[in-house]
Protein backbone atom coordinates (compact mmCIF):
# COMPACT_ATOMS: atom_id res chain seq x y z
CA MET A 1 8.77 10.43 -30.64
CA ASN A 2 5.82 10.92 -28.32
CA ASP A 3 4.33 14.37 -27.83
CA MET A 4 5.71 15.54 -24.50
CA LEU A 5 3.80 17.40 -21.82
CA THR A 6 4.21 21.18 -21.85
CA ASP A 7 3.17 24.06 -19.64
CA LYS A 8 -0.27 23.72 -21.25
CA HIS A 9 -0.69 20.62 -19.07
CA CYS A 10 0.02 22.60 -15.88
CA GLU A 11 -2.25 24.58 -13.59
CA LYS A 12 -2.28 28.30 -14.23
CA HIS A 13 -1.32 30.53 -11.30
CA ASP A 14 -0.29 34.15 -10.96
CA SER A 15 2.37 33.37 -8.35
CA PRO A 16 4.80 30.47 -7.67
CA GLN A 17 3.22 27.44 -6.00
CA ASP A 18 4.14 25.24 -3.07
CA TYR A 19 5.02 21.88 -4.62
CA GLU A 20 4.82 19.65 -1.53
CA GLY A 21 2.14 16.98 -1.88
CA ARG A 22 1.52 17.92 -5.52
CA LEU A 23 1.89 16.07 -8.80
CA LEU A 24 4.44 17.91 -10.92
CA ILE A 25 5.44 17.82 -14.58
CA ILE A 26 9.13 17.53 -15.38
CA ASN A 27 10.50 19.77 -18.10
CA PRO A 28 11.01 17.49 -21.17
CA GLU A 29 14.38 19.12 -21.76
CA ARG A 30 15.58 17.37 -18.58
CA ILE A 31 14.89 13.93 -20.05
CA LYS A 32 17.33 12.13 -22.32
CA GLU A 33 16.25 12.24 -25.95
CA GLN A 34 15.93 8.46 -26.36
CA PHE A 35 13.65 8.18 -23.34
CA ARG A 36 11.35 11.11 -23.91
CA ASN A 37 7.87 9.89 -23.11
CA PRO A 38 5.10 11.78 -21.27
CA VAL A 39 4.78 8.88 -18.81
CA VAL A 40 8.20 9.80 -17.45
CA GLN A 41 7.23 13.40 -16.73
CA TYR A 42 4.89 12.85 -13.78
CA PHE A 43 6.64 13.32 -10.42
CA TYR A 44 4.95 13.39 -7.00
CA ALA A 45 6.69 15.80 -4.60
CA THR A 46 6.92 14.81 -0.94
CA GLY A 47 9.19 17.51 0.48
CA GLY A 48 12.47 19.37 0.28
CA PHE A 49 13.45 23.05 0.39
CA GLY A 50 12.75 23.33 -3.33
CA CYS A 51 9.03 22.79 -2.75
CA LYS A 52 8.66 26.21 -1.16
CA PRO A 53 8.61 29.21 -3.49
CA GLY A 54 11.21 31.80 -2.61
CA ASN A 55 13.85 29.29 -1.50
CA GLY A 56 15.72 29.44 -4.76
CA ASP A 57 16.60 26.50 -6.97
CA LYS A 58 16.69 23.91 -4.19
CA LYS A 59 15.97 20.18 -4.32
CA VAL A 60 12.50 18.66 -4.45
CA PHE A 61 12.18 15.15 -3.02
CA GLY A 62 9.61 12.65 -4.24
CA TYR A 63 9.09 9.80 -6.67
CA PHE A 64 8.05 9.08 -10.21
CA LEU A 65 4.36 8.26 -10.50
CA ALA A 66 5.03 5.65 -13.19
CA ASP A 67 7.39 3.34 -11.29
CA GLY A 68 7.43 4.64 -7.71
CA GLN A 69 11.19 5.17 -7.68
CA LYS A 70 12.37 7.87 -5.31
CA ASP A 71 14.52 10.71 -6.58
CA GLN A 72 15.44 14.33 -5.96
CA LEU A 73 15.32 17.05 -8.60
CA TYR A 74 15.76 20.81 -8.58
CA ARG A 75 12.80 23.16 -8.62
CA SER A 76 13.90 24.45 -12.03
CA ASP A 77 13.52 20.94 -13.45
CA PHE A 78 9.72 21.27 -13.35
CA LEU A 79 7.27 23.05 -15.57
CA GLY A 80 4.73 23.30 -12.75
CA VAL A 81 1.84 21.50 -11.07
CA ALA A 82 -0.05 19.03 -13.27
CA ASN A 83 -3.58 19.98 -14.28
CA ARG A 84 -5.71 17.13 -12.92
CA LYS A 85 -8.32 17.58 -15.63
CA GLN A 86 -5.76 16.57 -18.24
CA LEU A 87 -4.32 13.50 -16.52
CA PRO A 88 -4.38 10.18 -18.39
CA LYS A 89 -6.43 7.41 -16.77
CA TRP A 90 -3.47 5.58 -15.25
CA ALA A 91 -2.11 8.74 -13.61
CA ALA A 92 -5.50 9.85 -12.28
CA LYS A 93 -6.08 6.44 -10.72
CA ARG A 94 -2.70 6.32 -9.01
CA LEU A 95 -3.02 9.87 -7.76
CA GLU A 96 -6.46 9.09 -6.31
CA ILE A 97 -5.10 6.11 -4.36
CA LEU A 98 -1.99 8.03 -3.36
CA GLU A 99 -4.01 10.88 -1.85
CA ALA A 100 -6.72 8.72 -0.28
CA PRO A 101 -6.73 8.80 3.56
CA LYS A 102 -4.87 5.87 5.07
CA LEU A 103 -4.87 4.38 8.53
CA LYS A 104 -2.54 1.80 10.08
CA ILE A 105 -4.59 -0.55 12.21
CA ARG A 106 -4.75 -3.91 13.92
CA ILE A 107 -7.97 -5.82 14.53
CA PHE A 108 -8.61 -8.19 17.43
CA GLN A 109 -11.58 -10.52 17.79
CA LEU A 110 -12.71 -12.80 20.61
CA LYS A 111 -11.49 -16.37 20.59
CA ASN A 112 -14.08 -19.04 19.99
CA ASP A 113 -14.09 -20.09 23.65
CA ALA A 114 -14.84 -16.58 24.95
CA ASP A 115 -18.40 -16.09 26.23
CA THR A 116 -18.91 -12.40 25.47
CA HIS A 117 -19.22 -12.45 21.69
CA PHE A 118 -21.19 -9.55 20.18
CA MET A 119 -21.91 -7.97 23.57
CA SER A 120 -22.06 -4.21 24.04
CA TYR A 121 -19.44 -2.31 26.00
CA ASP A 122 -21.77 -1.74 28.97
CA HIS A 123 -22.80 -5.41 29.10
CA THR A 124 -19.19 -6.59 28.82
CA THR A 125 -17.85 -4.27 31.52
CA ALA A 126 -20.75 -5.17 33.81
CA HIS A 127 -19.82 -8.85 33.61
CA SER A 128 -16.33 -10.15 32.80
CA GLY A 129 -14.87 -6.89 31.43
CA VAL A 130 -12.83 -6.43 28.26
CA LYS A 131 -10.00 -8.90 28.80
CA ALA A 132 -7.14 -8.81 26.31
CA GLU A 133 -6.34 -12.50 26.94
CA ASN A 134 -9.71 -13.42 25.38
CA TYR A 135 -8.72 -11.86 22.05
CA ARG A 136 -6.66 -12.90 19.06
CA GLN A 137 -5.32 -10.69 16.30
CA VAL A 138 -6.90 -11.30 12.89
CA TYR A 139 -5.33 -8.52 10.84
CA GLY A 140 -2.89 -5.65 10.76
CA GLY A 141 -2.09 -3.28 7.93
CA GLU A 142 -2.63 0.02 6.14
CA VAL A 143 -6.22 0.50 5.03
CA LEU A 144 -7.82 3.18 2.87
CA ALA A 145 -9.99 4.79 5.53
CA ASP A 146 -10.23 8.18 7.20
CA GLY A 147 -11.23 7.02 10.68
CA LEU A 148 -12.87 4.29 12.71
CA ASP A 149 -16.19 4.64 10.91
CA GLY A 150 -14.34 4.15 7.64
CA VAL A 151 -12.60 1.07 9.05
CA PHE A 152 -15.95 -0.35 10.13
CA ALA A 153 -17.45 0.18 6.68
CA LEU A 154 -14.41 -1.30 4.92
CA CYS A 155 -14.29 -4.39 7.13
CA ASN A 156 -17.95 -5.08 6.45
CA SER A 157 -18.08 -4.45 2.70
CA ASP A 158 -14.65 -5.15 1.23
CA HIS A 159 -12.20 -6.84 3.60
CA PRO A 160 -8.57 -5.73 3.25
CA PRO A 161 -6.22 -8.29 1.64
CA GLY A 162 -5.21 -10.78 4.34
CA TYR A 163 -8.16 -10.13 6.65
CA SER A 164 -9.18 -13.50 8.10
CA GLY A 165 -11.80 -12.71 10.76
CA HIS A 166 -15.53 -12.13 10.61
CA SER A 167 -16.90 -8.80 9.49
CA LEU A 168 -16.15 -6.13 12.08
CA SER A 169 -18.80 -6.39 14.78
CA VAL A 170 -19.73 -5.46 18.34
CA SER A 171 -17.10 -6.65 20.89
CA ASP A 172 -14.20 -6.48 18.41
CA VAL A 173 -11.23 -4.24 19.20
CA VAL A 174 -9.50 -1.95 16.70
CA GLU A 175 -6.04 -0.54 17.33
CA VAL A 176 -5.08 2.70 15.61
CA CYS A 177 -1.30 2.31 15.36
CA GLU A 178 -0.14 5.78 14.26
CA GLY A 179 -1.16 9.41 14.20
CA MET A 180 -3.97 11.16 15.98
CA GLY A 181 -6.23 8.89 17.97
CA THR A 182 -3.59 6.23 18.55
CA GLY A 183 -4.94 3.57 20.90
CA PHE A 184 -7.38 0.68 21.26
CA TYR A 185 -11.12 0.99 20.58
CA PHE A 186 -13.97 -1.36 21.50
CA VAL A 187 -16.60 -1.68 18.78
CA ASP A 188 -19.83 -0.86 20.61
CA ALA A 189 -23.44 -1.21 19.55
CA PHE A 190 -23.21 2.43 18.48
CA GLY A 191 -19.79 3.88 17.85
CA PHE A 192 -16.56 3.02 19.67
CA LYS A 193 -15.27 3.12 23.24
CA LYS A 194 -11.59 3.85 23.86
CA LEU A 195 -9.82 1.29 26.03
CA ASP A 196 -7.11 2.61 28.32
CA ASP A 197 -5.78 -0.72 29.62
CA PHE A 198 -5.95 -3.15 26.68
CA ASP A 199 -2.60 -5.00 26.72
CA ILE A 200 -1.65 -6.36 23.30
CA GLN A 201 0.96 -8.61 24.90
CA LYS A 202 -1.86 -10.64 26.49
CA THR A 203 -3.60 -11.27 23.17
CA ASP A 204 -2.97 -14.20 20.84
CA HIS A 205 -0.80 -12.39 18.30
CA SER A 206 2.22 -14.68 18.09
CA LYS A 207 0.91 -16.49 15.00
CA MET A 208 0.94 -13.40 12.82
CA MET A 209 3.19 -13.18 9.76
CA LYS A 210 4.53 -9.85 8.48
CA ILE A 211 4.33 -9.57 4.71
CA LEU A 212 4.60 -6.94 1.97
CA VAL A 213 1.39 -6.52 -0.02
CA LEU A 214 1.63 -5.47 -3.68
CA GLU A 215 -1.64 -4.13 -5.09
CA ASN A 216 -2.18 -2.64 -8.53
CA ASP A 217 -1.56 1.13 -8.69
CA ARG A 218 -0.65 1.30 -5.00
CA LEU A 219 2.70 1.64 -3.27
CA PRO A 220 3.79 -1.46 -1.29
CA TYR A 221 2.66 -1.68 2.33
CA THR A 222 3.27 -4.09 5.18
CA ALA A 223 0.52 -6.22 6.64
CA GLU A 224 0.22 -8.75 9.45
CA ILE A 225 -1.83 -11.84 8.61
CA ARG A 226 -2.63 -15.07 10.44
CA HIS A 227 -0.10 -17.84 9.83
CA ASP A 228 -1.97 -20.78 11.39
CA GLY A 229 -3.69 -21.78 8.15
CA ILE A 230 -4.01 -20.80 4.50
CA GLU A 231 -7.16 -18.67 4.72
CA ALA A 232 -5.36 -15.37 5.24
CA MET A 233 -2.90 -16.05 2.42
CA GLN A 234 -5.78 -16.91 0.11
CA SER A 235 -7.52 -13.72 1.16
CA VAL A 236 -4.59 -11.63 -0.07
CA VAL A 237 -4.44 -13.14 -3.57
CA GLY A 238 -8.17 -13.76 -3.94
CA GLY A 239 -8.18 -17.55 -4.13
CA ASN A 240 -5.80 -20.47 -4.38
CA PHE A 241 -2.18 -19.42 -4.58
CA GLU A 242 1.08 -20.45 -6.12
CA THR A 243 4.65 -19.34 -5.51
CA VAL A 244 7.01 -17.33 -7.68
CA TYR A 245 10.67 -17.66 -6.74
CA PHE A 246 12.82 -14.62 -7.45
CA GLU A 247 15.28 -14.20 -4.60
CA PRO A 248 18.76 -15.67 -5.29
CA LYS A 249 19.30 -16.10 -1.55
CA GLY A 250 16.14 -18.19 -1.34
CA ASP A 251 14.98 -16.39 1.80
CA ALA A 252 11.87 -14.75 0.28
CA VAL A 253 9.11 -15.76 -2.11
CA CYS A 254 6.14 -14.17 -3.88
CA TRP A 255 2.61 -15.56 -3.55
CA CYS A 256 0.03 -14.92 -6.26
CA ASN A 257 -3.30 -16.27 -7.49
CA ASP A 258 -2.74 -19.52 -9.39
CA GLU A 259 -5.21 -18.49 -12.10
CA PHE A 260 -4.12 -14.89 -12.57
CA LEU A 261 -3.93 -15.30 -16.36
CA LEU A 262 -7.51 -16.61 -16.47
CA ASN A 263 -9.41 -14.43 -13.99
CA GLY A 264 -9.08 -11.07 -15.74
CA SER A 265 -6.64 -9.52 -13.26
CA ALA A 266 -4.61 -6.57 -14.50
CA PRO A 267 -0.81 -6.84 -14.79
CA ASN A 268 0.81 -5.89 -11.50
CA ARG A 269 4.53 -6.43 -10.83
CA LYS A 270 7.31 -8.24 -12.59
CA ILE A 271 8.57 -10.72 -10.02
CA GLY A 272 11.77 -12.34 -11.23
CA GLU A 273 10.93 -13.46 -14.77
CA VAL A 274 7.16 -13.54 -14.21
CA LEU A 275 4.74 -10.66 -14.81
CA VAL A 276 2.26 -11.32 -12.01
CA HIS A 277 -1.34 -10.14 -12.43
CA GLY A 278 -3.56 -9.10 -9.54
CA THR A 279 -2.71 -8.56 -5.87
CA CYS A 280 0.24 -10.58 -4.63
CA PHE A 281 2.53 -10.49 -1.60
CA ILE A 282 6.09 -11.16 -0.53
CA SER A 283 6.90 -13.27 2.52
CA GLY A 284 10.04 -14.69 4.02
CA ASP A 285 10.96 -18.31 3.27
CA LYS A 286 12.88 -20.59 5.61
CA MET A 287 13.37 -24.21 6.65
CA ASN A 288 10.93 -25.31 9.36
CA ALA A 289 11.33 -27.96 12.05
CA TYR A 290 10.26 -30.67 9.60
CA GLY A 291 13.01 -29.87 7.10
CA GLU A 292 10.58 -28.20 4.71
CA TYR A 293 10.60 -24.65 3.41
CA ASP A 294 7.77 -22.58 4.81
CA SER A 295 6.65 -18.96 4.64
CA CYS A 296 7.64 -16.66 7.50
CA SER A 297 7.72 -12.98 8.44
CA LEU A 298 9.92 -10.61 6.50
CA THR A 299 12.71 -8.86 8.35
CA ASP A 300 12.82 -5.07 8.49
CA GLU A 301 15.75 -5.14 6.06
CA GLN A 302 13.79 -7.28 3.60
CA ILE A 303 10.80 -4.94 3.79
CA VAL A 304 12.99 -1.98 2.86
CA LYS A 305 14.65 -3.96 0.07
CA TYR A 306 11.47 -5.25 -1.55
CA THR A 307 9.59 -1.99 -1.09
CA GLN A 308 12.23 -0.39 -3.30
CA MET A 309 12.45 -3.35 -5.68
CA PHE A 310 8.69 -3.52 -6.30
CA ALA A 311 7.86 0.15 -5.80
CA GLN A 312 4.92 0.39 -8.22
CA SER A 313 2.89 -1.77 -10.57
CA VAL A 314 3.43 -1.70 -14.31
CA ILE A 315 1.25 0.61 -16.36
CA CYS A 316 -1.51 -1.29 -18.11
CA MET A 317 -1.28 -0.56 -21.82
CA ALA A 318 -5.06 -0.26 -22.06
CA ASP A 319 -4.87 2.80 -19.80
CA LEU A 320 -2.30 4.59 -21.96
CA GLU A 321 -3.00 7.05 -24.70
CA VAL A 322 -1.97 5.94 -28.19
CA ASP A 323 1.17 8.07 -28.11
CA GLU A 324 2.29 6.76 -24.72
CA THR A 325 2.72 3.10 -25.56
CA GLU A 326 6.39 2.99 -26.48
CA GLU A 327 8.62 0.83 -24.32
CA MET A 328 10.25 2.66 -21.40
CA SER A 329 13.38 2.01 -19.38
CA GLU A 330 12.78 0.09 -16.13
CA ASP A 331 14.51 2.81 -14.09
CA ILE A 332 12.89 6.10 -15.02
CA GLY A 333 15.21 8.10 -12.79
CA GLN A 334 18.16 7.18 -14.98
CA ASN A 335 16.46 8.65 -18.02
CA LEU A 336 17.04 12.22 -16.90
CA ASN A 337 19.89 14.28 -18.27
């Protein structure tokens, strides 16, 4: 049996701690004997009355770091807050991504026939103005960035999966979709200018496809990519792609790199009977006007379904300690007493 985590792996505090937004360690006595493995003990708390000290033995809501499955446990089920200095590599990496700032955005760039490419805000407004009908959407999704400057840096150094436009430049428009600063922003020669009357309905955005992106060590997230060619799909998987069929209904399909066993990608998700390596994505699948099956946007119901089904990537054995390599149940939540 593996050596389980104890209170020695927890932070030391003189008073009870607030658990919300913290990585906790489950008491090994709460885990069924046959499934006792330290991998199972890491639980990320997202809320619930049990997070607050002084509320009694109430429920703590969150999910298991290993497989992303949501659950609710009682405050007494935990030993305490995990000591970050003692985390194994796989847990530290996932926690870093989990806590990284995230921003939901859309990016619009001028169509090829527009005559104001790479013009500053002052020059554009002095001439034709910023006209939404001159723009097309090239991307939408959740990026690891803490603001517009972070978006600019990301879209110039390491494009998000599915990004199919040029590197973010002057005259482009970024939409912040949620949270503080929601709105449309013109990329100026220096900084950004907020647009008060940019109408997304006038842009070319009808050819976008909504997908679910599955990256290693990251929870699933939705993205909007261009569906008028294969470039955006190739951008997600990092090259030529192939399909993995897993849905009995036949209304969804997984797309992955066709050389994932040869390019050194780490194991990601088990899709059907295939352990896919590297970033992949789920799209809808339906018959088109030519009687052929073609990819299409996922429905809201499908997004919920596949977000739960493919909640987290597998743990790469190379990142585990020697005593953590025993086989685990697929549903960690069912391993608790």
